Amino acid sequence: MVEPEHGAAERGAALLGRYCDGDATAFHELYAWLAPRLLGYLTGLCSDSSAAEDLLQLTFLKLHRSRPAYTRGANPLPWLYTIARTVFLDELRRRQRSRVELATSEEQLPEVRAHLTGVPESTVQDDAAAAGRAVGALASLPASQREAIILTKLHGRSLVEAAAITGTTVGAVKLRIHRGYVTLRRMLGHDAEGETDGG
């Protein structure tokens, strides 16, 4: 479940502000609150959960070093996602990979499929094979389209935030989401229609 945006922004700003002031307990609270979000995002960008955990640690190291750049009181989530994305891209360049595949844990499959097909999550809880096809379809999208969908639909980031995180415009993010959905509907349309008709 995605935390309400206003509450998440206030909580993040308060925790990060305390951390910037040298409050060590704030770091532990920040990590406990933020690590699952960023780990899910990083796992969505790379196919290796172990590598995603390493990237998460690098993200928090970079966060520690970047504290002076944080604008006090601002919603820190887009900034933190941008740090995570930069860490991922740096590692991607370092390894000279040409392609990134999506990896999603088995527990996430119904939620992912519900987001991609519009079929309520409750109706796909036991349909791991169909959910797997949805994840496979998402993985087959171009990286920019896949990332736009992951950020906005699976991680609840706004279009403005997604644009800031990816270093592009709101219009470009909308276009990537639209093109991604067109492809996903084409790939998953028959599957989703069959379930809707039968449900």
Protein backbone atom coordinates (compact mmCIF):
# COMPACT_ATOMS: atom_id res chain seq x y z
CA MET A 1 0.00 0.00 0.00
CA VAL A 2 1.42 3.39 -0.96
CA GLU A 3 1.62 5.90 1.91
CA PRO A 4 -0.43 9.10 1.31
CA GLU A 5 1.81 11.56 -0.52
CA HIS A 6 1.41 14.48 1.89
CA GLY A 7 2.16 12.34 4.94
CA ALA A 8 5.14 10.68 3.26
CA ALA A 9 6.61 14.05 2.27
CA GLU A 10 6.25 15.49 5.78
CA ARG A 11 7.64 12.39 7.45
CA GLY A 12 10.58 12.20 5.08
CA ALA A 13 11.40 15.89 5.46
CA ALA A 14 11.32 15.65 9.26
CA LEU A 15 13.51 12.54 9.37
CA LEU A 16 16.01 13.84 6.86
CA GLY A 17 16.15 17.20 8.61
CA ARG A 18 16.98 15.49 11.90
CA TYR A 19 19.56 13.32 10.19
CA CYS A 20 21.21 16.35 8.60
CA ASP A 21 21.37 17.88 12.08
CA GLY A 22 23.39 14.88 13.26
CA ASP A 23 20.64 12.87 14.98
CA ALA A 24 21.91 9.27 14.69
CA THR A 25 18.55 7.77 15.63
CA ALA A 26 16.96 9.63 12.72
CA PHE A 27 19.15 7.67 10.32
CA HIS A 28 17.86 4.36 11.68
CA GLU A 29 14.27 5.56 11.40
CA LEU A 30 14.91 6.91 7.89
CA TYR A 31 16.49 3.63 6.82
CA ALA A 32 13.66 1.50 8.26
CA TRP A 33 11.05 3.67 6.51
CA LEU A 34 12.82 4.22 3.20
CA ALA A 35 14.85 1.05 2.54
CA PRO A 36 11.87 -1.13 1.48
CA ARG A 37 10.71 1.55 -1.01
CA LEU A 38 14.14 1.99 -2.56
CA LEU A 39 14.92 -1.73 -2.55
CA GLY A 40 11.68 -2.39 -4.44
CA TYR A 41 12.55 0.32 -6.94
CA LEU A 42 16.12 -0.93 -7.44
CA THR A 43 14.90 -4.51 -7.74
CA GLY A 44 12.54 -3.29 -10.44
CA LEU A 45 15.51 -1.89 -12.36
CA CYS A 46 17.85 -4.88 -12.15
CA SER A 47 17.37 -8.62 -12.33
CA ASP A 48 19.46 -9.57 -9.32
CA SER A 49 18.00 -9.07 -5.84
CA SER A 50 21.44 -9.44 -4.28
CA ALA A 51 22.77 -6.69 -6.55
CA ALA A 52 19.76 -4.52 -5.64
CA GLU A 53 20.65 -4.88 -1.95
CA ASP A 54 24.22 -3.80 -2.71
CA LEU A 55 22.89 -0.82 -4.66
CA LEU A 56 20.66 0.06 -1.71
CA GLN A 57 23.70 0.25 0.57
CA LEU A 58 25.51 2.43 -1.98
CA THR A 59 22.43 4.65 -2.17
CA PHE A 60 22.47 5.26 1.57
CA LEU A 61 26.21 5.90 1.47
CA LYS A 62 25.64 8.48 -1.26
CA LEU A 63 22.75 9.96 0.74
CA HIS A 64 25.08 10.38 3.72
CA ARG A 65 27.64 12.18 1.57
CA SER A 66 24.98 14.32 -0.13
CA ARG A 67 23.24 15.60 3.01
CA PRO A 68 24.50 19.19 2.51
CA ALA A 69 22.68 19.31 -0.86
CA TYR A 70 19.27 18.58 0.67
CA THR A 71 16.89 21.56 0.70
CA ARG A 72 15.41 21.69 4.20
CA GLY A 73 11.68 21.13 4.37
CA ALA A 74 11.39 19.89 0.78
CA ASN A 75 9.80 16.55 -0.05
CA PRO A 76 12.90 14.33 -0.05
CA LEU A 77 11.40 11.35 -1.88
CA PRO A 78 12.10 12.50 -5.47
CA TRP A 79 15.63 13.45 -4.42
CA LEU A 80 16.20 10.06 -2.75
CA TYR A 81 14.81 8.14 -5.72
CA THR A 82 17.13 10.20 -7.95
CA ILE A 83 20.10 9.19 -5.81
CA ALA A 84 19.07 5.53 -6.10
CA ARG A 85 18.65 5.86 -9.86
CA THR A 86 22.07 7.51 -10.22
CA VAL A 87 23.69 4.74 -8.19
CA PHE A 88 22.01 2.17 -10.42
CA LEU A 89 23.08 3.90 -13.64
CA ASP A 90 26.64 4.27 -12.38
CA GLU A 91 26.76 0.55 -11.62
CA LEU A 92 25.16 -0.25 -14.96
CA ARG A 93 27.83 1.74 -16.78
CA ARG A 94 30.54 0.17 -14.66
CA ARG A 95 29.41 -3.31 -15.61
CA GLN A 96 28.76 -2.25 -19.22
CA ARG A 97 25.43 -3.97 -19.34
CA SER A 98 23.35 -3.48 -22.44
CA ARG A 99 20.04 -4.62 -21.00
CA VAL A 100 18.26 -4.58 -17.65
CA GLU A 101 15.55 -7.09 -16.80
CA LEU A 102 12.81 -6.68 -14.27
CA ALA A 103 12.84 -8.99 -11.27
CA THR A 104 9.78 -9.11 -9.07
CA SER A 105 9.33 -11.31 -6.06
CA GLU A 106 6.54 -13.89 -6.14
CA GLU A 107 4.56 -11.98 -3.51
CA GLN A 108 4.46 -8.89 -5.76
CA LEU A 109 3.08 -10.67 -8.83
CA PRO A 110 -0.67 -10.21 -8.17
CA GLU A 111 -0.18 -6.52 -7.33
CA VAL A 112 1.91 -5.97 -10.46
CA ARG A 113 -0.60 -7.74 -12.67
CA ALA A 114 -3.48 -5.78 -11.15
CA HIS A 115 -1.69 -2.51 -11.96
CA LEU A 116 -0.88 -3.59 -15.51
CA THR A 117 -4.19 -5.13 -16.52
CA GLY A 118 -6.76 -3.29 -14.44
CA VAL A 119 -8.00 -6.61 -13.03
CA PRO A 120 -8.60 -6.25 -9.26
CA GLU A 121 -5.77 -7.74 -7.24
CA SER A 122 -8.17 -9.97 -5.30
CA THR A 123 -9.12 -11.81 -8.49
CA VAL A 124 -5.51 -12.64 -9.42
CA GLN A 125 -4.09 -13.70 -6.04
CA ASP A 126 -3.86 -17.35 -7.07
CA ASP A 127 -3.00 -16.78 -10.71
CA ALA A 128 0.81 -16.84 -10.49
CA ALA A 129 1.24 -17.94 -14.12
CA ALA A 130 -0.80 -15.01 -15.48
CA ALA A 131 0.95 -12.64 -13.08
CA GLY A 132 4.27 -13.98 -14.30
CA ARG A 133 3.24 -13.16 -17.87
CA ALA A 134 2.43 -9.60 -16.78
CA VAL A 135 5.84 -9.26 -15.18
CA GLY A 136 7.47 -10.72 -18.29
CA ALA A 137 5.59 -8.26 -20.47
CA LEU A 138 6.71 -5.36 -18.28
CA ALA A 139 10.30 -6.62 -18.45
CA SER A 140 10.14 -6.64 -22.24
CA LEU A 141 9.36 -2.91 -22.45
CA PRO A 142 12.13 -0.44 -23.29
CA ALA A 143 13.91 0.59 -20.08
CA SER A 144 12.56 4.16 -20.12
CA GLN A 145 8.92 2.99 -20.44
CA ARG A 146 9.38 0.28 -17.83
CA GLU A 147 10.92 2.73 -15.35
CA ALA A 148 8.13 5.29 -15.87
CA ILE A 149 5.49 2.64 -15.13
CA ILE A 150 7.39 1.27 -12.12
CA LEU A 151 7.78 4.73 -10.62
CA THR A 152 4.21 5.93 -11.14
CA LYS A 153 2.10 2.79 -10.93
CA LEU A 154 4.04 0.52 -8.60
CA HIS A 155 5.78 3.09 -6.40
CA GLY A 156 3.12 5.80 -6.44
CA ARG A 157 5.37 8.66 -7.55
CA SER A 158 3.63 11.58 -9.22
CA LEU A 159 4.37 12.54 -12.82
CA VAL A 160 6.34 15.56 -11.59
CA GLU A 161 8.39 13.37 -9.26
CA ALA A 162 8.97 10.72 -11.93
CA ALA A 163 10.18 13.43 -14.31
CA ALA A 164 12.57 14.78 -11.67
CA ILE A 165 13.86 11.31 -10.84
CA THR A 166 14.48 10.37 -14.46
CA GLY A 167 15.80 13.77 -15.49
CA THR A 168 13.16 14.42 -18.12
CA THR A 169 9.86 16.29 -18.53
CA VAL A 170 6.35 15.45 -17.35
CA GLY A 171 5.32 15.20 -21.00
CA ALA A 172 8.06 12.67 -21.71
CA VAL A 173 7.02 10.58 -18.69
CA LYS A 174 3.37 10.64 -19.84
CA LEU A 175 4.41 9.56 -23.32
CA ARG A 176 6.55 6.71 -21.96
CA ILE A 177 3.69 5.49 -19.78
CA HIS A 178 1.22 5.73 -22.66
CA ARG A 179 3.47 3.84 -25.07
CA GLY A 180 4.24 1.26 -22.41
CA TYR A 181 0.55 0.72 -21.71
CA VAL A 182 -0.27 0.40 -25.40
CA THR A 183 2.31 -2.38 -25.67
CA LEU A 184 1.22 -4.03 -22.42
CA ARG A 185 -2.45 -3.97 -23.41
CA ARG A 186 -1.55 -5.56 -26.72
CA MET A 187 0.53 -8.24 -25.01
CA LEU A 188 -1.87 -8.86 -22.09
CA GLY A 189 -5.20 -7.86 -23.61
CA HIS A 190 -6.39 -11.36 -24.39
CA ASP A 191 -5.43 -12.55 -20.91
CA ALA A 192 -7.18 -9.66 -19.14
CA GLU A 193 -10.32 -9.89 -21.30
CA GLY A 194 -10.59 -13.61 -20.64
CA GLU A 195 -10.50 -13.07 -16.89
CA THR A 196 -12.92 -10.15 -16.99
CA ASP A 197 -15.44 -12.12 -19.07
CA GLY A 198 -15.15 -15.14 -16.82
CA GLY A 199 -15.29 -13.18 -13.52
